[in-house]
């Protein structure tokens, strides 16, 4: 890839950044931490520190997710943006947050054994578990937000709209829930972001994990990645594929709906 400079931002614009190429081929990470923070699974490209620049950092927060790594996110909109290993001299950033075509492609899948039960890293999703969970326990990565709801998850919808890609860092995957059935155990860290389109998104203010989405008409959906353990669901369709990123392909054979209504 050339030395072209790519700019990017979170969904609300409180964090903006630039990366000067060549950019590393995209890594797709299916580990539990990345799935908790992004709401599905996370992707990243990277550059050395001297080719990364923060343009705006008004709402940027960092969460130390292990002894060796910190994760950067927007405290206002909950966008999962950066993964920074200490002492490596490299900054990893979500290609879903980049402006315009990236010219990249997914080169590696990491921790595929930790992938959610509702999808496969590549190819058609697995069949639902014949003995699905009757109750789903959900939480952010740090545990400041915890709730449960009736299981199983059922059909999971993947959304490729620009907002979902900037928030998740890749693309979102969620399932509809009757909000009245949600049993909240801890909302200490819960933050809400009102989108320009009239929807509301919930995320954790401490670790940035994406948790739920409430549409303008009140339909409530939970991010599949925040479920601890099996969901009992199955990825069923893709929406807003006309806005999907250029660095990945949809090869699972599921229905695709491209345009906004």
C-alpha atoms as a PDB file:
ATOM      1  CA  UNK A   1       0.000   0.000   0.000  1.00  0.00           C
ATOM      2  CA  UNK A   2       1.194   3.547  -0.751  1.00  0.00           C
ATOM      3  CA  UNK A   3       2.113   6.338   1.640  1.00  0.00           C
ATOM      4  CA  UNK A   4      -1.359   7.869   1.260  1.00  0.00           C
ATOM      5  CA  UNK A   5      -2.779   9.447   4.414  1.00  0.00           C
ATOM      6  CA  UNK A   6      -6.118   8.056   5.600  1.00  0.00           C
ATOM      7  CA  UNK A   7      -8.339  10.003   7.980  1.00  0.00           C
ATOM      8  CA  UNK A   8     -10.950   8.560  10.294  1.00  0.00           C
ATOM      9  CA  UNK A   9     -13.282   9.411  13.153  1.00  0.00           C
ATOM     10  CA  UNK A  10     -15.855   8.128  15.584  1.00  0.00           C
ATOM     11  CA  UNK A  11     -19.585   8.473  14.824  1.00  0.00           C
ATOM     12  CA  UNK A  12     -20.052  11.784  16.649  1.00  0.00           C
ATOM     13  CA  UNK A  13     -16.779  13.420  15.554  1.00  0.00           C
ATOM     14  CA  UNK A  14     -15.358  13.827  19.053  1.00  0.00           C
ATOM     15  CA  UNK A  15     -12.322  11.752  18.052  1.00  0.00           C
ATOM     16  CA  UNK A  16     -10.548  12.106  14.712  1.00  0.00           C
ATOM     17  CA  UNK A  17      -7.240  10.687  13.548  1.00  0.00           C
ATOM     18  CA  UNK A  18      -4.938  10.173  10.574  1.00  0.00           C
ATOM     19  CA  UNK A  19      -2.775   7.219   9.515  1.00  0.00           C
ATOM     20  CA  UNK A  20      -0.113   7.466   6.827  1.00  0.00           C
ATOM     21  CA  UNK A  21       0.441   4.291   4.817  1.00  0.00           C
ATOM     22  CA  UNK A  22       1.463   1.728   4.058  1.00  0.00           C
ATOM     23  CA  UNK A  23      -1.210   0.251   6.334  1.00  0.00           C
ATOM     24  CA  UNK A  24      -1.039  -3.311   7.601  1.00  0.00           C
ATOM     25  CA  UNK A  25      -3.565  -5.771   6.084  1.00  0.00           C
ATOM     26  CA  UNK A  26      -6.627  -5.988   8.299  1.00  0.00           C
ATOM     27  CA  UNK A  27      -6.701  -8.375  11.271  1.00  0.00           C
ATOM     28  CA  UNK A  28     -10.100  -9.751  12.319  1.00  0.00           C
ATOM     29  CA  UNK A  29     -10.072 -10.638  16.021  1.00  0.00           C
ATOM     30  CA  UNK A  30     -12.731 -12.923  17.515  1.00  0.00           C
ATOM     31  CA  UNK A  31     -11.438 -12.970  21.097  1.00  0.00           C
ATOM     32  CA  UNK A  32     -13.938 -12.432  23.884  1.00  0.00           C
ATOM     33  CA  UNK A  33     -12.570  -8.984  24.721  1.00  0.00           C
ATOM     34  CA  UNK A  34     -12.870  -7.708  21.149  1.00  0.00           C
ATOM     35  CA  UNK A  35     -16.369  -9.140  20.839  1.00  0.00           C
ATOM     36  CA  UNK A  36     -17.450  -7.524  24.110  1.00  0.00           C
ATOM     37  CA  UNK A  37     -16.100  -4.096  23.190  1.00  0.00           C
ATOM     38  CA  UNK A  38     -17.270  -4.008  19.575  1.00  0.00           C
ATOM     39  CA  UNK A  39     -20.554  -5.871  19.963  1.00  0.00           C
ATOM     40  CA  UNK A  40     -19.654  -8.430  17.257  1.00  0.00           C
ATOM     41  CA  UNK A  41     -15.985  -8.948  16.403  1.00  0.00           C
ATOM     42  CA  UNK A  42     -13.333  -6.321  15.876  1.00  0.00           C
ATOM     43  CA  UNK A  43     -10.991  -5.542  12.998  1.00  0.00           C
ATOM     44  CA  UNK A  44      -7.830  -3.455  12.888  1.00  0.00           C
ATOM     45  CA  UNK A  45      -5.115  -2.143  10.646  1.00  0.00           C
ATOM     46  CA  UNK A  46      -1.961  -0.578  12.059  1.00  0.00           C
ATOM     47  CA  UNK A  47       0.972   1.784  11.564  1.00  0.00           C
ATOM     48  CA  UNK A  48       4.023   2.729  13.650  1.00  0.00           C
ATOM     49  CA  UNK A  49       3.472   5.577  16.107  1.00  0.00           C
ATOM     50  CA  UNK A  50       5.279   8.078  13.907  1.00  0.00           C
ATOM     51  CA  UNK A  51       2.690   7.539  11.155  1.00  0.00           C
ATOM     52  CA  UNK A  52      -0.324   7.917  13.445  1.00  0.00           C
ATOM     53  CA  UNK A  53      -1.725  11.306  14.485  1.00  0.00           C
ATOM     54  CA  UNK A  54      -4.653  12.341  16.644  1.00  0.00           C
ATOM     55  CA  UNK A  55      -6.474  15.258  15.021  1.00  0.00           C
ATOM     56  CA  UNK A  56      -9.137  15.590  17.716  1.00  0.00           C
ATOM     57  CA  UNK A  57      -9.324  13.807  21.065  1.00  0.00           C
ATOM     58  CA  UNK A  58     -12.042  15.698  22.987  1.00  0.00           C
ATOM     59  CA  UNK A  59     -13.969  12.539  23.892  1.00  0.00           C
ATOM     60  CA  UNK A  60     -11.188   9.934  23.670  1.00  0.00           C
ATOM     61  CA  UNK A  61     -10.839   7.578  26.608  1.00  0.00           C
ATOM     62  CA  UNK A  62      -8.539   4.627  27.216  1.00  0.00           C
ATOM     63  CA  UNK A  63      -9.358   1.402  29.039  1.00  0.00           C
ATOM     64  CA  UNK A  64      -6.565  -0.914  30.175  1.00  0.00           C
ATOM     65  CA  UNK A  65      -8.004  -4.309  29.239  1.00  0.00           C
ATOM     66  CA  UNK A  66      -4.924  -6.315  30.278  1.00  0.00           C
ATOM     67  CA  UNK A  67      -1.408  -5.852  31.642  1.00  0.00           C
ATOM     68  CA  UNK A  68      -0.105  -5.311  28.116  1.00  0.00           C
ATOM     69  CA  UNK A  69      -2.902  -3.567  26.176  1.00  0.00           C
ATOM     70  CA  UNK A  70      -5.146  -0.514  26.334  1.00  0.00           C
ATOM     71  CA  UNK A  71      -8.191   0.176  24.161  1.00  0.00           C
ATOM     72  CA  UNK A  72      -9.246   3.609  22.933  1.00  0.00           C
ATOM     73  CA  UNK A  73     -12.879   4.583  22.434  1.00  0.00           C
ATOM     74  CA  UNK A  74     -15.134   7.609  22.191  1.00  0.00           C
ATOM     75  CA  UNK A  75     -16.845   8.300  25.513  1.00  0.00           C
ATOM     76  CA  UNK A  76     -19.660  10.209  23.791  1.00  0.00           C
ATOM     77  CA  UNK A  77     -20.799   7.756  21.090  1.00  0.00           C
ATOM     78  CA  UNK A  78     -19.063   4.552  22.249  1.00  0.00           C
ATOM     79  CA  UNK A  79     -17.080   3.974  19.046  1.00  0.00           C
ATOM     80  CA  UNK A  80     -14.426   1.255  19.407  1.00  0.00           C
ATOM     81  CA  UNK A  81     -11.411   2.881  17.740  1.00  0.00           C
ATOM     82  CA  UNK A  82      -7.939   1.832  18.921  1.00  0.00           C
ATOM     83  CA  UNK A  83      -5.968  -1.095  20.316  1.00  0.00           C
ATOM     84  CA  UNK A  84      -2.575  -0.128  21.710  1.00  0.00           C
ATOM     85  CA  UNK A  85      -0.057  -2.725  22.965  1.00  0.00           C
ATOM     86  CA  UNK A  86       2.427  -1.249  25.433  1.00  0.00           C
ATOM     87  CA  UNK A  87       6.035  -1.113  24.313  1.00  0.00           C
ATOM     88  CA  UNK A  88       5.420  -2.199  20.724  1.00  0.00           C
ATOM     89  CA  UNK A  89       5.551   1.212  19.019  1.00  0.00           C
ATOM     90  CA  UNK A  90       2.455   0.425  16.955  1.00  0.00           C
ATOM     91  CA  UNK A  91      -1.074   1.825  16.938  1.00  0.00           C
ATOM     92  CA  UNK A  92      -3.927  -0.377  15.741  1.00  0.00           C
ATOM     93  CA  UNK A  93      -7.081   1.360  14.495  1.00  0.00           C
ATOM     94  CA  UNK A  94     -10.457   0.173  13.247  1.00  0.00           C
ATOM     95  CA  UNK A  95     -10.852   0.326   9.447  1.00  0.00           C
ATOM     96  CA  UNK A  96     -14.593   0.789   9.996  1.00  0.00           C
ATOM     97  CA  UNK A  97     -13.766   4.279  11.295  1.00  0.00           C
ATOM     98  CA  UNK A  98     -11.748   5.300   8.221  1.00  0.00           C
ATOM     99  CA  UNK A  99     -13.211   7.792   5.743  1.00  0.00           C
ATOM    100  CA  UNK A 100     -13.851   6.486   2.233  1.00  0.00           C
ATOM    101  CA  UNK A 101     -12.281   3.437   0.569  1.00  0.00           C
ATOM    102  CA  UNK A 102      -9.380   1.892   2.454  1.00  0.00           C
ATOM    103  CA  UNK A 103      -7.837  -0.242  -0.297  1.00  0.00           C
ATOM    104  CA  UNK A 104      -7.280  -2.915   2.360  1.00  0.00           C
ATOM    105  CA  UNK A 105      -8.318  -6.538   2.765  1.00  0.00           C
ATOM    106  CA  UNK A 106      -8.611  -8.911   5.716  1.00  0.00           C
ATOM    107  CA  UNK A 107      -5.365 -10.855   5.904  1.00  0.00           C
ATOM    108  CA  UNK A 108      -5.728 -12.787   9.160  1.00  0.00           C
ATOM    109  CA  UNK A 109      -8.338 -14.076  11.598  1.00  0.00           C
ATOM    110  CA  UNK A 110      -7.241 -14.248  15.235  1.00  0.00           C
ATOM    111  CA  UNK A 111      -8.703 -16.356  18.085  1.00  0.00           C
ATOM    112  CA  UNK A 112     -11.295 -18.032  15.867  1.00  0.00           C
ATOM    113  CA  UNK A 113     -11.936 -20.584  18.615  1.00  0.00           C
ATOM    114  CA  UNK A 114     -13.537 -17.732  20.623  1.00  0.00           C
ATOM    115  CA  UNK A 115     -15.974 -16.737  17.859  1.00  0.00           C
ATOM    116  CA  UNK A 116     -19.615 -16.369  18.861  1.00  0.00           C
ATOM    117  CA  UNK A 117     -21.933 -19.327  18.341  1.00  0.00           C
ATOM    118  CA  UNK A 118     -24.146 -17.328  15.941  1.00  0.00           C
ATOM    119  CA  UNK A 119     -21.568 -16.940  13.122  1.00  0.00           C
ATOM    120  CA  UNK A 120     -18.442 -18.438  11.603  1.00  0.00           C
ATOM    121  CA  UNK A 121     -15.394 -16.287  10.797  1.00  0.00           C
ATOM    122  CA  UNK A 122     -15.880 -17.303   7.157  1.00  0.00           C
ATOM    123  CA  UNK A 123     -18.677 -19.182   5.427  1.00  0.00           C
ATOM    124  CA  UNK A 124     -22.272 -19.959   6.468  1.00  0.00           C
ATOM    125  CA  UNK A 125     -23.148 -19.663  10.166  1.00  0.00           C
ATOM    126  CA  UNK A 126     -23.572 -22.845  12.198  1.00  0.00           C
ATOM    127  CA  UNK A 127     -26.998 -24.303  12.879  1.00  0.00           C
ATOM    128  CA  UNK A 128     -28.554 -23.211  16.177  1.00  0.00           C
ATOM    129  CA  UNK A 129     -27.822 -25.307  19.249  1.00  0.00           C
ATOM    130  CA  UNK A 130     -30.590 -27.906  19.716  1.00  0.00           C
ATOM    131  CA  UNK A 131     -30.523 -27.075  23.448  1.00  0.00           C
ATOM    132  CA  UNK A 132     -30.274 -23.262  23.461  1.00  0.00           C
ATOM    133  CA  UNK A 133     -29.877 -21.248  26.674  1.00  0.00           C
ATOM    134  CA  UNK A 134     -33.124 -20.184  28.347  1.00  0.00           C
ATOM    135  CA  UNK A 135     -31.473 -17.100  29.850  1.00  0.00           C
ATOM    136  CA  UNK A 136     -28.809 -14.802  28.431  1.00  0.00           C
ATOM    137  CA  UNK A 137     -26.351 -13.023  30.696  1.00  0.00           C
ATOM    138  CA  UNK A 138     -24.937  -9.865  29.124  1.00  0.00           C
ATOM    139  CA  UNK A 139     -22.272  -7.397  30.181  1.00  0.00           C
ATOM    140  CA  UNK A 140     -19.669  -4.914  29.067  1.00  0.00           C
ATOM    141  CA  UNK A 141     -15.988  -5.855  29.237  1.00  0.00           C
ATOM    142  CA  UNK A 142     -15.290  -4.227  32.615  1.00  0.00           C
ATOM    143  CA  UNK A 143     -18.541  -5.334  34.292  1.00  0.00           C
ATOM    144  CA  UNK A 144     -19.906  -1.864  35.094  1.00  0.00           C
ATOM    145  CA  UNK A 145     -22.997  -2.686  33.027  1.00  0.00           C
ATOM    146  CA  UNK A 146     -24.699  -6.064  33.478  1.00  0.00           C
ATOM    147  CA  UNK A 147     -28.143  -7.348  32.513  1.00  0.00           C
ATOM    148  CA  UNK A 148     -29.960 -10.524  31.561  1.00  0.00           C
ATOM    149  CA  UNK A 149     -32.875 -11.421  29.308  1.00  0.00           C
ATOM    150  CA  UNK A 150     -34.811 -14.453  28.087  1.00  0.00           C
ATOM    151  CA  UNK A 151     -33.009 -16.707  25.615  1.00  0.00           C
ATOM    152  CA  UNK A 152     -32.293 -17.808  23.026  1.00  0.00           C
ATOM    153  CA  UNK A 153     -31.255 -14.854  20.899  1.00  0.00           C
ATOM    154  CA  UNK A 154     -32.948 -16.038  17.710  1.00  0.00           C
ATOM    155  CA  UNK A 155     -32.218 -14.337  14.349  1.00  0.00           C
ATOM    156  CA  UNK A 156     -29.202 -11.993  14.407  1.00  0.00           C
ATOM    157  CA  UNK A 157     -29.014  -9.127  11.905  1.00  0.00           C
ATOM    158  CA  UNK A 158     -25.694  -7.722  10.687  1.00  0.00           C
ATOM    159  CA  UNK A 159     -25.779  -3.987   9.912  1.00  0.00           C
ATOM    160  CA  UNK A 160     -23.206  -2.423   7.577  1.00  0.00           C
ATOM    161  CA  UNK A 161     -24.392   1.194   7.696  1.00  0.00           C
ATOM    162  CA  UNK A 162     -21.727   3.844   8.158  1.00  0.00           C
ATOM    163  CA  UNK A 163     -22.784   4.617  11.735  1.00  0.00           C
ATOM    164  CA  UNK A 164     -22.671   0.965  12.841  1.00  0.00           C
ATOM    165  CA  UNK A 165     -19.280   0.509  11.207  1.00  0.00           C
ATOM    166  CA  UNK A 166     -17.851   3.581  12.947  1.00  0.00           C
ATOM    167  CA  UNK A 167     -19.305   2.525  16.304  1.00  0.00           C
ATOM    168  CA  UNK A 168     -18.263  -1.143  16.161  1.00  0.00           C
ATOM    169  CA  UNK A 169     -15.036  -0.653  14.214  1.00  0.00           C
ATOM    170  CA  UNK A 170     -16.174  -3.315  11.722  1.00  0.00           C
ATOM    171  CA  UNK A 171     -19.928  -3.931  11.428  1.00  0.00           C
ATOM    172  CA  UNK A 172     -22.659  -4.559  13.967  1.00  0.00           C
ATOM    173  CA  UNK A 173     -24.621  -7.732  14.759  1.00  0.00           C
ATOM    174  CA  UNK A 174     -27.669  -7.601  17.025  1.00  0.00           C
ATOM    175  CA  UNK A 175     -30.957  -9.302  17.826  1.00  0.00           C
ATOM    176  CA  UNK A 176     -34.338  -7.806  18.759  1.00  0.00           C
ATOM    177  CA  UNK A 177     -35.539  -8.005  22.354  1.00  0.00           C
ATOM    178  CA  UNK A 178     -38.668  -6.911  24.214  1.00  0.00           C
ATOM    179  CA  UNK A 179     -37.090  -4.173  26.330  1.00  0.00           C
ATOM    180  CA  UNK A 180     -39.583  -4.824  29.131  1.00  0.00           C
ATOM    181  CA  UNK A 181     -38.019  -8.273  29.656  1.00  0.00           C
ATOM    182  CA  UNK A 182     -34.507  -6.934  30.291  1.00  0.00           C
ATOM    183  CA  UNK A 183     -33.437  -7.443  33.907  1.00  0.00           C
ATOM    184  CA  UNK A 184     -30.820  -4.853  34.834  1.00  0.00           C
ATOM    185  CA  UNK A 185     -28.240  -5.911  37.437  1.00  0.00           C
ATOM    186  CA  UNK A 186     -25.857  -2.942  37.243  1.00  0.00           C
ATOM    187  CA  UNK A 187     -26.054   0.275  35.212  1.00  0.00           C
ATOM    188  CA  UNK A 188     -23.186   2.061  36.974  1.00  0.00           C
ATOM    189  CA  UNK A 189     -21.277   2.740  33.747  1.00  0.00           C
ATOM    190  CA  UNK A 190     -24.157   3.017  31.275  1.00  0.00           C
ATOM    191  CA  UNK A 191     -23.979   5.917  28.838  1.00  0.00           C
ATOM    192  CA  UNK A 192     -26.411   6.739  26.038  1.00  0.00           C
ATOM    193  CA  UNK A 193     -25.768   8.367  22.683  1.00  0.00           C
ATOM    194  CA  UNK A 194     -28.617  10.001  20.755  1.00  0.00           C
ATOM    195  CA  UNK A 195     -27.941   9.602  17.030  1.00  0.00           C
ATOM    196  CA  UNK A 196     -28.809  12.313  14.484  1.00  0.00           C
ATOM    197  CA  UNK A 197     -31.467   9.946  13.100  1.00  0.00           C
ATOM    198  CA  UNK A 198     -33.381   9.777  16.379  1.00  0.00           C
ATOM    199  CA  UNK A 199     -32.112   6.428  17.660  1.00  0.00           C
ATOM    200  CA  UNK A 200     -30.315   5.788  20.959  1.00  0.00           C
ATOM    201  CA  UNK A 201     -27.268   3.613  21.561  1.00  0.00           C
ATOM    202  CA  UNK A 202     -26.058   2.282  24.906  1.00  0.00           C
ATOM    203  CA  UNK A 203     -22.408   1.748  25.806  1.00  0.00           C
ATOM    204  CA  UNK A 204     -20.194   1.545  28.871  1.00  0.00           C
ATOM    205  CA  UNK A 205     -18.509   4.792  29.822  1.00  0.00           C
ATOM    206  CA  UNK A 206     -15.563   3.023  31.465  1.00  0.00           C
ATOM    207  CA  UNK A 207     -14.578   0.400  28.860  1.00  0.00           C
ATOM    208  CA  UNK A 208     -16.512   1.574  25.780  1.00  0.00           C
ATOM    209  CA  UNK A 209     -18.355  -1.687  25.116  1.00  0.00           C
ATOM    210  CA  UNK A 210     -21.288  -1.468  22.678  1.00  0.00           C
ATOM    211  CA  UNK A 211     -24.399  -2.889  24.331  1.00  0.00           C
ATOM    212  CA  UNK A 212     -27.729  -2.033  22.738  1.00  0.00           C
ATOM    213  CA  UNK A 213     -29.630   0.028  20.161  1.00  0.00           C
ATOM    214  CA  UNK A 214     -33.115   1.567  20.405  1.00  0.00           C
ATOM    215  CA  UNK A 215     -34.600   2.583  17.045  1.00  0.00           C
ATOM    216  CA  UNK A 216     -36.736   5.730  16.675  1.00  0.00           C
ATOM    217  CA  UNK A 217     -39.861   3.528  16.624  1.00  0.00           C
ATOM    218  CA  UNK A 218     -38.854   1.934  19.948  1.00  0.00           C
ATOM    219  CA  UNK A 219     -37.609  -1.413  18.641  1.00  0.00           C
ATOM    220  CA  UNK A 220     -34.841  -2.530  21.014  1.00  0.00           C
ATOM    221  CA  UNK A 221     -31.912  -4.731  20.020  1.00  0.00           C
ATOM    222  CA  UNK A 222     -28.943  -6.124  21.931  1.00  0.00           C
ATOM    223  CA  UNK A 223     -25.445  -6.462  20.507  1.00  0.00           C
ATOM    224  CA  UNK A 224     -24.718 -10.177  20.164  1.00  0.00           C
ATOM    225  CA  UNK A 225     -21.110  -9.761  21.303  1.00  0.00           C
ATOM    226  CA  UNK A 226     -22.119  -8.602  24.779  1.00  0.00           C
ATOM    227  CA  UNK A 227     -23.716 -11.982  25.579  1.00  0.00           C
ATOM    228  CA  UNK A 228     -21.521 -14.042  27.885  1.00  0.00           C
ATOM    229  CA  UNK A 229     -21.401 -17.598  26.533  1.00  0.00           C
ATOM    230  CA  UNK A 230     -23.714 -19.075  23.883  1.00  0.00           C
ATOM    231  CA  UNK A 231     -26.488 -16.918  22.456  1.00  0.00           C
ATOM    232  CA  UNK A 232     -28.553 -19.704  20.908  1.00  0.00           C
ATOM    233  CA  UNK A 233     -28.973 -17.391  17.915  1.00  0.00           C
ATOM    234  CA  UNK A 234     -27.919 -17.493  14.289  1.00  0.00           C
ATOM    235  CA  UNK A 235     -26.815 -14.789  11.897  1.00  0.00           C
ATOM    236  CA  UNK A 236     -29.741 -14.485   9.488  1.00  0.00           C
ATOM    237  CA  UNK A 237     -29.255 -11.466   7.192  1.00  0.00           C
ATOM    238  CA  UNK A 238     -27.205  -8.398   6.267  1.00  0.00           C
ATOM    239  CA  UNK A 239     -28.679  -4.909   5.975  1.00  0.00           C
ATOM    240  CA  UNK A 240     -27.366  -1.663   4.448  1.00  0.00           C
ATOM    241  CA  UNK A 241     -24.751  -3.588   2.502  1.00  0.00           C
ATOM    242  CA  UNK A 242     -24.518  -0.659   0.094  1.00  0.00           C
ATOM    243  CA  UNK A 243     -22.493   1.063   2.817  1.00  0.00           C
ATOM    244  CA  UNK A 244     -20.263  -1.912   3.710  1.00  0.00           C
ATOM    245  CA  UNK A 245     -16.506  -1.536   4.012  1.00  0.00           C
ATOM    246  CA  UNK A 246     -14.323  -2.299   1.005  1.00  0.00           C
ATOM    247  CA  UNK A 247     -11.885  -4.461   3.011  1.00  0.00           C
ATOM    248  CA  UNK A 248     -14.181  -7.468   3.563  1.00  0.00           C
ATOM    249  CA  UNK A 249     -16.503  -9.722   1.574  1.00  0.00           C
ATOM    250  CA  UNK A 250     -19.804 -11.304   2.566  1.00  0.00           C
ATOM    251  CA  UNK A 251     -19.421 -14.988   1.761  1.00  0.00           C
ATOM    252  CA  UNK A 252     -21.967 -16.647   4.054  1.00  0.00           C
ATOM    253  CA  UNK A 253     -24.788 -16.921   1.483  1.00  0.00           C
ATOM    254  CA  UNK A 254     -27.286 -15.032   3.670  1.00  0.00           C
ATOM    255  CA  UNK A 255     -29.843 -12.495   2.344  1.00  0.00           C
ATOM    256  CA  UNK A 256     -28.451  -9.011   1.723  1.00  0.00           C
ATOM    257  CA  UNK A 257     -30.400  -5.748   1.709  1.00  0.00           C
ATOM    258  CA  UNK A 258     -28.359  -2.931   0.271  1.00  0.00           C
ATOM    259  CA  UNK A 259     -30.153   0.390   0.371  1.00  0.00           C
ATOM    260  CA  UNK A 260     -31.703   2.563   3.056  1.00  0.00           C
ATOM    261  CA  UNK A 261     -35.475   2.875   2.775  1.00  0.00           C
END
